[in-house]
Amino acid sequence: MSGVRAAATGEWLNLVRHEYLLNDVTFVRDLGGNFNLNLQVSADQGTLVVRVAPESGQGGSAGRSAGGA
């Protein structure tokens, strides 16, 4: 399933901000990945890596596993 990878958008940042109750979330960079969208973001709590993994049959979903970088 190549070519299915999501793109970094403001909508993903808003979802991350809402799901993890973060303030001042800004996109730093796309860390790459063949299938998952791996984003490095900066938030009031520090730098985080967010993995967005597509669900089968859908465009993608944000995982609940943000980790510190």
N, C-alpha and C. Protein backbone atom coordinates (compact mmCIF):
# COMPACT_ATOMS: atom_id res chain seq x y z
N MET A 1 0.82 -1.19 0.00
CA MET A 1 0.00 0.00 0.00
C MET A 1 0.87 1.25 0.00
N SER A 2 1.76 1.37 -0.93
CA SER A 2 2.57 2.57 -0.98
C SER A 2 1.74 3.74 -1.50
N GLY A 3 2.13 4.95 -1.14
CA GLY A 3 1.41 6.13 -1.54
C GLY A 3 0.22 6.48 -0.67
N VAL A 4 0.02 5.80 0.45
CA VAL A 4 -1.13 6.02 1.32
C VAL A 4 -0.77 6.96 2.47
N ARG A 5 0.48 7.26 2.64
CA ARG A 5 0.96 8.03 3.78
C ARG A 5 0.28 9.40 3.87
N ALA A 6 -0.15 9.75 5.07
CA ALA A 6 -0.80 11.04 5.33
C ALA A 6 0.21 12.18 5.19
N ALA A 7 -0.28 13.38 5.08
CA ALA A 7 0.55 14.58 5.00
C ALA A 7 0.39 15.39 6.28
N ALA A 8 1.45 16.10 6.64
CA ALA A 8 1.41 16.97 7.82
C ALA A 8 0.53 18.17 7.52
N THR A 9 -0.50 18.37 8.34
CA THR A 9 -1.42 19.49 8.12
C THR A 9 -1.74 20.16 9.46
N GLY A 10 -2.31 21.31 9.38
CA GLY A 10 -2.78 22.00 10.58
C GLY A 10 -3.86 21.21 11.31
N GLU A 11 -4.63 20.42 10.55
CA GLU A 11 -5.66 19.59 11.17
C GLU A 11 -5.05 18.56 12.11
N TRP A 12 -3.93 17.96 11.71
CA TRP A 12 -3.26 16.99 12.60
C TRP A 12 -2.74 17.67 13.85
N LEU A 13 -2.19 18.87 13.69
CA LEU A 13 -1.71 19.60 14.87
C LEU A 13 -2.85 19.92 15.82
N ASN A 14 -4.00 20.31 15.29
CA ASN A 14 -5.16 20.58 16.13
C ASN A 14 -5.62 19.32 16.85
N LEU A 15 -5.61 18.19 16.14
CA LEU A 15 -5.99 16.92 16.76
C LEU A 15 -5.03 16.55 17.89
N VAL A 16 -3.74 16.70 17.67
CA VAL A 16 -2.73 16.42 18.71
C VAL A 16 -2.94 17.33 19.91
N ARG A 17 -3.15 18.61 19.64
CA ARG A 17 -3.37 19.59 20.71
C ARG A 17 -4.60 19.20 21.54
N HIS A 18 -5.66 18.79 20.89
CA HIS A 18 -6.90 18.44 21.57
C HIS A 18 -6.76 17.11 22.32
N GLU A 19 -6.23 16.07 21.69
CA GLU A 19 -6.14 14.73 22.29
C GLU A 19 -5.20 14.69 23.49
N TYR A 20 -4.11 15.44 23.45
CA TYR A 20 -3.12 15.39 24.52
C TYR A 20 -3.15 16.61 25.43
N LEU A 21 -4.14 17.47 25.25
CA LEU A 21 -4.31 18.67 26.08
C LEU A 21 -3.03 19.50 26.14
N LEU A 22 -2.49 19.80 24.96
CA LEU A 22 -1.25 20.58 24.85
C LEU A 22 -1.58 22.00 24.42
N ASN A 23 -0.72 22.91 24.79
CA ASN A 23 -0.82 24.29 24.35
C ASN A 23 0.36 24.59 23.44
N ASP A 24 0.20 25.57 22.59
CA ASP A 24 1.29 26.06 21.74
C ASP A 24 1.98 24.95 20.96
N VAL A 25 1.22 24.08 20.31
CA VAL A 25 1.79 23.02 19.50
C VAL A 25 2.15 23.58 18.13
N THR A 26 3.40 23.39 17.73
CA THR A 26 3.85 23.81 16.41
C THR A 26 4.57 22.67 15.73
N PHE A 27 4.42 22.57 14.42
CA PHE A 27 5.08 21.56 13.61
C PHE A 27 6.55 21.91 13.51
N VAL A 28 7.42 20.93 13.76
CA VAL A 28 8.85 21.15 13.62
C VAL A 28 9.34 20.55 12.31
N ARG A 29 9.09 19.21 12.14
CA ARG A 29 9.48 18.59 10.88
C ARG A 29 8.85 17.21 10.73
N ASP A 30 8.80 16.78 9.48
CA ASP A 30 8.34 15.45 9.13
C ASP A 30 9.55 14.53 9.21
N LEU A 31 9.48 13.52 10.07
CA LEU A 31 10.61 12.62 10.28
C LEU A 31 10.65 11.48 9.26
N GLY A 32 9.71 11.47 8.34
CA GLY A 32 9.71 10.45 7.30
C GLY A 32 8.98 9.19 7.74
N GLY A 33 9.14 8.17 6.96
CA GLY A 33 8.47 6.90 7.20
C GLY A 33 7.79 6.43 5.93
N ASN A 34 7.84 5.15 5.68
CA ASN A 34 7.23 4.62 4.46
C ASN A 34 5.72 4.53 4.54
N PHE A 35 5.19 4.26 5.71
CA PHE A 35 3.76 4.02 5.87
C PHE A 35 3.13 5.00 6.84
N ASN A 36 3.74 5.16 8.02
CA ASN A 36 3.23 6.08 9.04
C ASN A 36 3.77 7.48 8.81
N LEU A 37 3.01 8.45 9.24
CA LEU A 37 3.46 9.84 9.25
C LEU A 37 4.04 10.09 10.63
N ASN A 38 5.32 10.41 10.69
CA ASN A 38 6.01 10.64 11.96
C ASN A 38 6.38 12.12 12.03
N LEU A 39 5.76 12.84 12.96
CA LEU A 39 5.95 14.28 13.07
C LEU A 39 6.67 14.64 14.35
N GLN A 40 7.65 15.49 14.23
CA GLN A 40 8.27 16.07 15.41
C GLN A 40 7.56 17.39 15.65
N VAL A 41 7.00 17.55 16.84
CA VAL A 41 6.28 18.78 17.19
C VAL A 41 6.86 19.37 18.46
N SER A 42 6.68 20.64 18.60
CA SER A 42 7.10 21.34 19.80
C SER A 42 5.83 21.77 20.54
N ALA A 43 5.81 21.53 21.85
CA ALA A 43 4.65 21.90 22.67
C ALA A 43 5.15 22.53 23.95
N ASP A 44 4.22 23.03 24.75
CA ASP A 44 4.60 23.66 26.01
C ASP A 44 5.32 22.67 26.94
N GLN A 45 5.09 21.36 26.77
CA GLN A 45 5.76 20.36 27.61
C GLN A 45 7.10 19.91 27.03
N GLY A 46 7.48 20.37 25.85
CA GLY A 46 8.74 19.98 25.24
C GLY A 46 8.54 19.48 23.82
N THR A 47 9.54 18.76 23.32
CA THR A 47 9.50 18.22 21.96
C THR A 47 8.92 16.81 21.99
N LEU A 48 7.98 16.54 21.08
CA LEU A 48 7.32 15.24 21.02
C LEU A 48 7.40 14.68 19.61
N VAL A 49 7.33 13.36 19.50
CA VAL A 49 7.20 12.70 18.22
C VAL A 49 5.81 12.07 18.18
N VAL A 50 5.05 12.41 17.16
CA VAL A 50 3.69 11.91 17.00
C VAL A 50 3.65 11.02 15.77
N ARG A 51 3.15 9.80 15.93
CA ARG A 51 3.02 8.87 14.80
C ARG A 51 1.55 8.81 14.40
N VAL A 52 1.29 9.08 13.12
CA VAL A 52 -0.05 8.98 12.57
C VAL A 52 -0.06 7.75 11.67
N ALA A 53 -0.85 6.74 12.05
CA ALA A 53 -0.90 5.49 11.31
C ALA A 53 -2.26 5.35 10.64
N PRO A 54 -2.28 5.11 9.33
CA PRO A 54 -3.56 4.94 8.65
C PRO A 54 -4.25 3.66 9.10
N GLU A 55 -5.56 3.73 9.23
CA GLU A 55 -6.35 2.55 9.53
C GLU A 55 -6.80 1.96 8.20
N SER A 56 -6.98 0.66 8.14
CA SER A 56 -7.40 0.03 6.89
C SER A 56 -8.74 0.61 6.44
N GLY A 57 -8.77 1.05 5.21
CA GLY A 57 -10.00 1.58 4.64
C GLY A 57 -10.26 3.04 4.96
N GLN A 58 -9.38 3.70 5.74
CA GLN A 58 -9.58 5.10 6.08
C GLN A 58 -8.31 5.88 5.82
N GLY A 59 -8.40 7.19 5.90
CA GLY A 59 -7.27 8.06 5.61
C GLY A 59 -6.22 8.11 6.68
N GLY A 60 -6.54 7.73 7.90
CA GLY A 60 -5.54 7.75 8.95
C GLY A 60 -6.14 8.12 10.28
N SER A 61 -5.38 7.90 11.34
CA SER A 61 -5.81 8.28 12.68
C SER A 61 -4.59 8.56 13.51
N ALA A 62 -4.70 9.43 14.46
CA ALA A 62 -3.59 9.74 15.34
C ALA A 62 -3.52 8.70 16.43
N GLY A 63 -2.36 8.13 16.63
CA GLY A 63 -2.19 7.16 17.69
C GLY A 63 -2.12 7.83 19.05
N ARG A 64 -2.36 7.09 20.09
CA ARG A 64 -2.33 7.63 21.45
C ARG A 64 -0.97 7.43 22.08
N SER A 65 0.11 7.43 21.31
CA SER A 65 1.42 7.15 21.88
C SER A 65 2.43 8.21 21.49
N ALA A 66 2.26 9.42 21.98
CA ALA A 66 3.25 10.46 21.76
C ALA A 66 4.36 10.27 22.78
N GLY A 67 5.59 10.30 22.33
CA GLY A 67 6.72 10.12 23.22
C GLY A 67 7.66 11.29 23.15
N GLY A 68 8.37 11.55 24.21
CA GLY A 68 9.33 12.64 24.23
C GLY A 68 10.53 12.32 23.37
N ALA A 69 11.11 13.34 22.77
CA ALA A 69 12.29 13.14 21.94
C ALA A 69 13.51 13.62 22.66
